Amino acid sequence: MGSLRAFWEHGDAVSRAVALLLLAMSVSAWVLILWKTWLLRRTQHDIARAVPAFWAAPSFDAGLERLARLDREGVLQPLLAAATLPPAPGTLESNGRREDQLTRRLRDALHAGLRHLQFGQVALASIGSTAPFVGLFGTVWGIYHALAGIAVSGSMTIEKVSAPVGEALIMTAAGLAVAIPAVLAYNVFGKWVAASEAELEGFAHDLRQLALDAGHAS
């Protein structure tokens, strides 16, 4: 803590700006990590409960009611709507085959749900890839600033060099401390999103077949 205070007191505007940038990146990363952990775990739990409950319902309306109650993040209900709502009359979509209409609408609904689950992934990847370089820049600038100050004073000893250089190296450690959690979280969330995507694709495929069977039966 004393080294951080000394770095802040001895640093110039650029060094302080780099430190504040790393702090903002760290806060943003942890907010995303905590929020996405809650979101993705909640979504996985809802999918695991809602899909079997829908197929176990005695009627379509009962299944719709169960799905609406259990799908708290709204990633399953758009698929159901896409499989049941007819296309708008007088559009190019309405002139296509029913199989193609279902495929198009289900694909669009699936992509919308995945965008919701993937939100924040780009930010985590950007923080994880750039934070070490931001910290390294802060270290290089801090060393330059410290050596320039020592040169101006006209007295350069190992004691006077080691203290400011050691303080500047803190920025490299800070950059790594910001980047490592962001990279680890990005990888874990990628696996969770992929698992949810597989479940949603399977549900969309089953809904498409159900809609086609219902159309043939009618």
C-alpha atoms as a PDB file:
ATOM      1  CA  MET A   1       0.000   0.000   0.000  1.00  0.00           C
ATOM      2  CA  GLY A   2       2.878   2.328   0.778  1.00  0.00           C
ATOM      3  CA  SER A   3       4.421   1.672  -2.640  1.00  0.00           C
ATOM      4  CA  LEU A   4       1.129   2.469  -4.347  1.00  0.00           C
ATOM      5  CA  ARG A   5       0.832   5.706  -2.414  1.00  0.00           C
ATOM      6  CA  ALA A   6       4.400   6.625  -3.244  1.00  0.00           C
ATOM      7  CA  PHE A   7       3.840   5.830  -6.918  1.00  0.00           C
ATOM      8  CA  TRP A   8       0.735   8.022  -6.963  1.00  0.00           C
ATOM      9  CA  GLU A   9       2.491  10.898  -5.197  1.00  0.00           C
ATOM     10  CA  HIS A  10       5.619  10.766  -7.331  1.00  0.00           C
ATOM     11  CA  GLY A  11       3.878  10.044 -10.629  1.00  0.00           C
ATOM     12  CA  ASP A  12       2.857  12.610 -13.198  1.00  0.00           C
ATOM     13  CA  ALA A  13      -0.469  13.006 -15.028  1.00  0.00           C
ATOM     14  CA  VAL A  14       0.263  10.158 -17.454  1.00  0.00           C
ATOM     15  CA  SER A  15       1.142   7.676 -14.710  1.00  0.00           C
ATOM     16  CA  ARG A  16      -1.965   8.566 -12.749  1.00  0.00           C
ATOM     17  CA  ALA A  17      -4.122   8.302 -15.882  1.00  0.00           C
ATOM     18  CA  VAL A  18      -2.770   4.798 -16.522  1.00  0.00           C
ATOM     19  CA  ALA A  19      -3.465   3.803 -12.922  1.00  0.00           C
ATOM     20  CA  LEU A  20      -7.035   5.122 -13.146  1.00  0.00           C
ATOM     21  CA  LEU A  21      -7.532   3.324 -16.455  1.00  0.00           C
ATOM     22  CA  LEU A  22      -6.433   0.026 -14.925  1.00  0.00           C
ATOM     23  CA  LEU A  23      -8.745   0.627 -11.991  1.00  0.00           C
ATOM     24  CA  ALA A  24     -11.673   1.281 -14.336  1.00  0.00           C
ATOM     25  CA  MET A  25     -10.844  -1.856 -16.334  1.00  0.00           C
ATOM     26  CA  SER A  26     -10.667  -3.925 -13.161  1.00  0.00           C
ATOM     27  CA  VAL A  27     -14.011  -2.643 -11.861  1.00  0.00           C
ATOM     28  CA  SER A  28     -15.646  -3.218 -15.259  1.00  0.00           C
ATOM     29  CA  ALA A  29     -14.245  -6.733 -15.503  1.00  0.00           C
ATOM     30  CA  TRP A  30     -15.447  -7.752 -12.044  1.00  0.00           C
ATOM     31  CA  VAL A  31     -18.889  -6.263 -12.615  1.00  0.00           C
ATOM     32  CA  LEU A  32     -19.170  -8.308 -15.815  1.00  0.00           C
ATOM     33  CA  ILE A  33     -17.802 -11.419 -14.133  1.00  0.00           C
ATOM     34  CA  LEU A  34     -20.286 -11.280 -11.278  1.00  0.00           C
ATOM     35  CA  TRP A  35     -23.244 -10.380 -13.515  1.00  0.00           C
ATOM     36  CA  LYS A  36     -22.504 -12.986 -16.185  1.00  0.00           C
ATOM     37  CA  THR A  37     -21.928 -15.692 -13.584  1.00  0.00           C
ATOM     38  CA  TRP A  38     -25.387 -14.978 -12.204  1.00  0.00           C
ATOM     39  CA  LEU A  39     -26.959 -14.713 -15.680  1.00  0.00           C
ATOM     40  CA  LEU A  40     -25.476 -17.856 -17.204  1.00  0.00           C
ATOM     41  CA  ARG A  41     -25.984 -20.078 -14.168  1.00  0.00           C
ATOM     42  CA  ARG A  42     -29.578 -18.854 -13.932  1.00  0.00           C
ATOM     43  CA  THR A  43     -30.123 -19.521 -17.638  1.00  0.00           C
ATOM     44  CA  GLN A  44     -28.681 -23.028 -17.447  1.00  0.00           C
ATOM     45  CA  HIS A  45     -30.880 -23.783 -14.455  1.00  0.00           C
ATOM     46  CA  ASP A  46     -33.970 -22.445 -16.225  1.00  0.00           C
ATOM     47  CA  ILE A  47     -33.305 -24.412 -19.425  1.00  0.00           C
ATOM     48  CA  ALA A  48     -32.773 -27.615 -17.451  1.00  0.00           C
ATOM     49  CA  ARG A  49     -36.169 -27.150 -15.771  1.00  0.00           C
ATOM     50  CA  ALA A  50     -38.250 -25.468 -18.469  1.00  0.00           C
ATOM     51  CA  VAL A  51     -37.613 -27.749 -21.452  1.00  0.00           C
ATOM     52  CA  PRO A  52     -38.605 -31.024 -19.710  1.00  0.00           C
ATOM     53  CA  ALA A  53     -41.585 -29.254 -18.123  1.00  0.00           C
ATOM     54  CA  PHE A  54     -42.769 -28.074 -21.539  1.00  0.00           C
ATOM     55  CA  TRP A  55     -42.606 -31.518 -23.128  1.00  0.00           C
ATOM     56  CA  ALA A  56     -44.255 -33.110 -20.093  1.00  0.00           C
ATOM     57  CA  ALA A  57     -47.251 -30.744 -20.309  1.00  0.00           C
ATOM     58  CA  PRO A  58     -50.621 -32.334 -21.223  1.00  0.00           C
ATOM     59  CA  SER A  59     -51.358 -29.646 -23.828  1.00  0.00           C
ATOM     60  CA  PHE A  60     -49.623 -26.941 -25.794  1.00  0.00           C
ATOM     61  CA  ASP A  61     -51.242 -24.154 -23.762  1.00  0.00           C
ATOM     62  CA  ALA A  62     -50.163 -25.804 -20.526  1.00  0.00           C
ATOM     63  CA  GLY A  63     -46.623 -26.152 -21.879  1.00  0.00           C
ATOM     64  CA  LEU A  64     -46.613 -22.493 -22.867  1.00  0.00           C
ATOM     65  CA  GLU A  65     -47.680 -21.519 -19.364  1.00  0.00           C
ATOM     66  CA  ARG A  66     -44.961 -23.624 -17.779  1.00  0.00           C
ATOM     67  CA  LEU A  67     -42.338 -22.232 -20.111  1.00  0.00           C
ATOM     68  CA  ALA A  68     -43.355 -18.644 -19.383  1.00  0.00           C
ATOM     69  CA  ARG A  69     -43.077 -19.294 -15.656  1.00  0.00           C
ATOM     70  CA  LEU A  70     -39.706 -21.037 -15.715  1.00  0.00           C
ATOM     71  CA  ASP A  71     -37.915 -19.133 -18.494  1.00  0.00           C
ATOM     72  CA  ARG A  72     -36.859 -16.114 -16.433  1.00  0.00           C
ATOM     73  CA  GLU A  73     -34.242 -14.859 -18.906  1.00  0.00           C
ATOM     74  CA  GLY A  74     -36.560 -15.181 -21.895  1.00  0.00           C
ATOM     75  CA  VAL A  75     -34.317 -17.315 -24.107  1.00  0.00           C
ATOM     76  CA  LEU A  76     -36.841 -20.107 -24.715  1.00  0.00           C
ATOM     77  CA  GLN A  77     -40.100 -18.208 -25.211  1.00  0.00           C
ATOM     78  CA  PRO A  78     -38.940 -16.434 -28.416  1.00  0.00           C
ATOM     79  CA  LEU A  79     -38.219 -19.862 -29.918  1.00  0.00           C
ATOM     80  CA  LEU A  80     -41.726 -20.992 -29.100  1.00  0.00           C
ATOM     81  CA  ALA A  81     -43.190 -17.825 -30.581  1.00  0.00           C
ATOM     82  CA  ALA A  82     -41.104 -18.254 -33.735  1.00  0.00           C
ATOM     83  CA  ALA A  83     -42.387 -21.808 -34.161  1.00  0.00           C
ATOM     84  CA  THR A  84     -46.059 -20.953 -33.700  1.00  0.00           C
ATOM     85  CA  LEU A  85     -46.683 -17.428 -35.014  1.00  0.00           C
ATOM     86  CA  PRO A  86     -47.459 -17.225 -38.734  1.00  0.00           C
ATOM     87  CA  PRO A  87     -45.488 -14.840 -40.953  1.00  0.00           C
ATOM     88  CA  ALA A  88     -46.965 -11.458 -41.788  1.00  0.00           C
ATOM     89  CA  PRO A  89     -49.175 -11.699 -44.880  1.00  0.00           C
ATOM     90  CA  GLY A  90     -47.979 -10.042 -48.048  1.00  0.00           C
ATOM     91  CA  THR A  91     -44.278 -10.485 -47.224  1.00  0.00           C
ATOM     92  CA  LEU A  92     -41.565 -12.442 -48.979  1.00  0.00           C
ATOM     93  CA  GLU A  93     -41.382 -14.750 -45.986  1.00  0.00           C
ATOM     94  CA  SER A  94     -45.036 -15.718 -46.346  1.00  0.00           C
ATOM     95  CA  ASN A  95     -44.397 -16.836 -49.921  1.00  0.00           C
ATOM     96  CA  GLY A  96     -41.742 -19.350 -48.934  1.00  0.00           C
ATOM     97  CA  ARG A  97     -42.150 -22.951 -47.935  1.00  0.00           C
ATOM     98  CA  ARG A  98     -43.282 -23.574 -44.379  1.00  0.00           C
ATOM     99  CA  GLU A  99     -40.074 -25.459 -43.602  1.00  0.00           C
ATOM    100  CA  ASP A 100     -37.976 -22.499 -44.687  1.00  0.00           C
ATOM    101  CA  GLN A 101     -40.166 -20.052 -42.776  1.00  0.00           C
ATOM    102  CA  LEU A 102     -39.741 -22.027 -39.566  1.00  0.00           C
ATOM    103  CA  THR A 103     -36.004 -22.367 -40.045  1.00  0.00           C
ATOM    104  CA  ARG A 104     -35.570 -18.630 -40.631  1.00  0.00           C
ATOM    105  CA  ARG A 105     -37.690 -17.522 -37.680  1.00  0.00           C
ATOM    106  CA  LEU A 106     -36.158 -20.046 -35.289  1.00  0.00           C
ATOM    107  CA  ARG A 107     -32.658 -19.075 -36.388  1.00  0.00           C
ATOM    108  CA  ASP A 108     -33.358 -15.391 -35.765  1.00  0.00           C
ATOM    109  CA  ALA A 109     -34.874 -16.130 -32.338  1.00  0.00           C
ATOM    110  CA  LEU A 110     -31.913 -18.345 -31.433  1.00  0.00           C
ATOM    111  CA  HIS A 111     -29.406 -15.676 -32.441  1.00  0.00           C
ATOM    112  CA  ALA A 112     -31.243 -13.065 -30.378  1.00  0.00           C
ATOM    113  CA  GLY A 113     -31.086 -15.296 -27.308  1.00  0.00           C
ATOM    114  CA  LEU A 114     -27.406 -15.987 -27.838  1.00  0.00           C
ATOM    115  CA  ARG A 115     -26.628 -12.287 -28.161  1.00  0.00           C
ATOM    116  CA  HIS A 116     -28.187 -11.837 -24.739  1.00  0.00           C
ATOM    117  CA  LEU A 117     -26.034 -14.601 -23.265  1.00  0.00           C
ATOM    118  CA  GLN A 118     -22.848 -13.433 -25.008  1.00  0.00           C
ATOM    119  CA  PHE A 119     -23.168  -9.803 -23.929  1.00  0.00           C
ATOM    120  CA  GLY A 120     -19.963  -8.635 -22.253  1.00  0.00           C
ATOM    121  CA  GLN A 121     -17.739 -11.311 -23.772  1.00  0.00           C
ATOM    122  CA  VAL A 122     -16.029  -8.836 -26.102  1.00  0.00           C
ATOM    123  CA  ALA A 123     -15.377  -6.474 -23.195  1.00  0.00           C
ATOM    124  CA  LEU A 124     -13.807  -9.248 -21.120  1.00  0.00           C
ATOM    125  CA  ALA A 125     -11.639 -10.351 -24.044  1.00  0.00           C
ATOM    126  CA  SER A 126     -10.540  -6.763 -24.681  1.00  0.00           C
ATOM    127  CA  ILE A 127      -9.670  -6.167 -21.023  1.00  0.00           C
ATOM    128  CA  GLY A 128      -7.802  -9.454 -20.784  1.00  0.00           C
ATOM    129  CA  SER A 129      -5.735  -8.755 -23.892  1.00  0.00           C
ATOM    130  CA  THR A 130      -4.950  -5.073 -23.330  1.00  0.00           C
ATOM    131  CA  ALA A 131      -4.539  -4.706 -19.556  1.00  0.00           C
ATOM    132  CA  PRO A 132      -0.989  -6.218 -19.454  1.00  0.00           C
ATOM    133  CA  PHE A 133       0.166  -3.761 -22.122  1.00  0.00           C
ATOM    134  CA  VAL A 134      -1.453  -0.839 -20.336  1.00  0.00           C
ATOM    135  CA  GLY A 135       0.371  -1.877 -17.171  1.00  0.00           C
ATOM    136  CA  LEU A 136       3.628  -2.272 -19.082  1.00  0.00           C
ATOM    137  CA  PHE A 137       3.226   1.185 -20.556  1.00  0.00           C
ATOM    138  CA  GLY A 138       2.661   2.550 -17.053  1.00  0.00           C
ATOM    139  CA  THR A 139       5.848   0.844 -15.881  1.00  0.00           C
ATOM    140  CA  VAL A 140       7.943   2.171 -18.760  1.00  0.00           C
ATOM    141  CA  TRP A 141       6.585   5.677 -18.322  1.00  0.00           C
ATOM    142  CA  GLY A 142       7.086   5.539 -14.568  1.00  0.00           C
ATOM    143  CA  ILE A 143      10.701   4.450 -14.943  1.00  0.00           C
ATOM    144  CA  TYR A 144      11.339   7.155 -17.506  1.00  0.00           C
ATOM    145  CA  HIS A 145       9.736   9.784 -15.280  1.00  0.00           C
ATOM    146  CA  ALA A 146      11.716   8.599 -12.244  1.00  0.00           C
ATOM    147  CA  LEU A 147      15.060   8.520 -14.074  1.00  0.00           C
ATOM    148  CA  ALA A 148      14.418  11.922 -15.593  1.00  0.00           C
ATOM    149  CA  GLY A 149      13.764  13.339 -12.145  1.00  0.00           C
ATOM    150  CA  ILE A 150      16.937  11.768 -10.771  1.00  0.00           C
ATOM    151  CA  ALA A 151      18.968  13.097 -13.702  1.00  0.00           C
ATOM    152  CA  VAL A 152      17.686  16.607 -13.075  1.00  0.00           C
ATOM    153  CA  SER A 153      18.680  16.398  -9.420  1.00  0.00           C
ATOM    154  CA  GLY A 154      22.233  15.488 -10.469  1.00  0.00           C
ATOM    155  CA  SER A 155      22.563  12.711  -7.889  1.00  0.00           C
ATOM    156  CA  MET A 156      22.132   9.125  -9.145  1.00  0.00           C
ATOM    157  CA  THR A 157      22.767   6.309  -6.685  1.00  0.00           C
ATOM    158  CA  ILE A 158      21.436   2.771  -6.546  1.00  0.00           C
ATOM    159  CA  GLU A 159      19.209   3.689  -3.634  1.00  0.00           C
ATOM    160  CA  LYS A 160      17.624   6.577  -5.514  1.00  0.00           C
ATOM    161  CA  VAL A 161      17.115   4.458  -8.655  1.00  0.00           C
ATOM    162  CA  SER A 162      15.768   1.276  -7.075  1.00  0.00           C
ATOM    163  CA  ALA A 163      12.904   2.892  -5.161  1.00  0.00           C
ATOM    164  CA  PRO A 164      11.175   4.641  -8.112  1.00  0.00           C
ATOM    165  CA  VAL A 165      11.855   1.730 -10.449  1.00  0.00           C
ATOM    166  CA  GLY A 166      10.306  -0.683  -7.948  1.00  0.00           C
ATOM    167  CA  GLU A 167       7.283   1.573  -7.613  1.00  0.00           C
ATOM    168  CA  ALA A 168       6.888   1.730 -11.395  1.00  0.00           C
ATOM    169  CA  LEU A 169       7.000  -2.060 -11.695  1.00  0.00           C
ATOM    170  CA  ILE A 170       3.807  -2.178  -9.664  1.00  0.00           C
ATOM    171  CA  MET A 171       1.963  -1.102 -12.809  1.00  0.00           C
ATOM    172  CA  THR A 172       3.002  -4.282 -14.613  1.00  0.00           C
ATOM    173  CA  ALA A 173       1.722  -6.386 -11.726  1.00  0.00           C
ATOM    174  CA  ALA A 174      -1.503  -4.359 -11.698  1.00  0.00           C
ATOM    175  CA  GLY A 175      -1.993  -4.988 -15.414  1.00  0.00           C
ATOM    176  CA  LEU A 176      -1.620  -8.735 -14.905  1.00  0.00           C
ATOM    177  CA  ALA A 177      -3.940  -8.652 -11.908  1.00  0.00           C
ATOM    178  CA  VAL A 178      -6.600  -7.058 -14.086  1.00  0.00           C
ATOM    179  CA  ALA A 179      -6.054  -9.312 -17.101  1.00  0.00           C
ATOM    180  CA  ILE A 180      -5.884 -12.767 -15.503  1.00  0.00           C
ATOM    181  CA  PRO A 181      -9.410 -12.834 -13.988  1.00  0.00           C
ATOM    182  CA  ALA A 182     -10.864 -11.412 -17.205  1.00  0.00           C
ATOM    183  CA  VAL A 183      -9.201 -14.089 -19.369  1.00  0.00           C
ATOM    184  CA  LEU A 184     -10.182 -16.928 -17.058  1.00  0.00           C
ATOM    185  CA  ALA A 185     -13.769 -15.693 -16.868  1.00  0.00           C
ATOM    186  CA  TYR A 186     -13.933 -15.298 -20.656  1.00  0.00           C
ATOM    187  CA  ASN A 187     -12.908 -18.920 -21.156  1.00  0.00           C
ATOM    188  CA  VAL A 188     -15.332 -20.255 -18.541  1.00  0.00           C
ATOM    189  CA  PHE A 189     -18.225 -18.177 -19.852  1.00  0.00           C
ATOM    190  CA  GLY A 190     -17.475 -19.339 -23.389  1.00  0.00           C
ATOM    191  CA  LYS A 191     -17.981 -22.937 -22.294  1.00  0.00           C
ATOM    192  CA  TRP A 192     -21.196 -22.083 -20.451  1.00  0.00           C
ATOM    193  CA  VAL A 193     -22.603 -20.182 -23.439  1.00  0.00           C
ATOM    194  CA  ALA A 194     -21.719 -23.076 -25.751  1.00  0.00           C
ATOM    195  CA  ALA A 195     -23.524 -25.519 -23.459  1.00  0.00           C
ATOM    196  CA  SER A 196     -26.631 -23.311 -23.388  1.00  0.00           C
ATOM    197  CA  GLU A 197     -26.433 -22.860 -27.157  1.00  0.00           C
ATOM    198  CA  ALA A 198     -26.487 -26.616 -27.675  1.00  0.00           C
ATOM    199  CA  GLU A 199     -29.585 -26.929 -25.488  1.00  0.00           C
ATOM    200  CA  LEU A 200     -31.339 -24.072 -27.287  1.00  0.00           C
ATOM    201  CA  GLU A 201     -30.503 -25.507 -30.705  1.00  0.00           C
ATOM    202  CA  GLY A 202     -31.917 -28.872 -29.659  1.00  0.00           C
ATOM    203  CA  PHE A 203     -35.112 -27.255 -28.399  1.00  0.00           C
ATOM    204  CA  ALA A 204     -35.449 -25.209 -31.603  1.00  0.00           C
ATOM    205  CA  HIS A 205     -35.025 -28.355 -33.709  1.00  0.00           C
ATOM    206  CA  ASP A 206     -37.701 -30.183 -31.732  1.00  0.00           C
ATOM    207  CA  LEU A 207     -40.077 -27.219 -31.971  1.00  0.00           C
ATOM    208  CA  ARG A 208     -39.586 -27.062 -35.725  1.00  0.00           C
ATOM    209  CA  GLN A 209     -40.460 -30.720 -36.072  1.00  0.00           C
ATOM    210  CA  LEU A 210     -43.472 -30.321 -33.814  1.00  0.00           C
ATOM    211  CA  ALA A 211     -44.745 -27.385 -35.869  1.00  0.00           C
ATOM    212  CA  LEU A 212     -44.248 -29.288 -39.116  1.00  0.00           C
ATOM    213  CA  ASP A 213     -46.030 -32.365 -37.776  1.00  0.00           C
ATOM    214  CA  ALA A 214     -48.908 -30.201 -36.570  1.00  0.00           C
ATOM    215  CA  GLY A 215     -49.143 -28.554 -39.996  1.00  0.00           C
ATOM    216  CA  HIS A 216     -49.193 -31.895 -41.783  1.00  0.00           C
ATOM    217  CA  ALA A 217     -51.822 -33.257 -39.412  1.00  0.00           C
ATOM    218  CA  SER A 218     -54.100 -30.289 -40.017  1.00  0.00           C
END
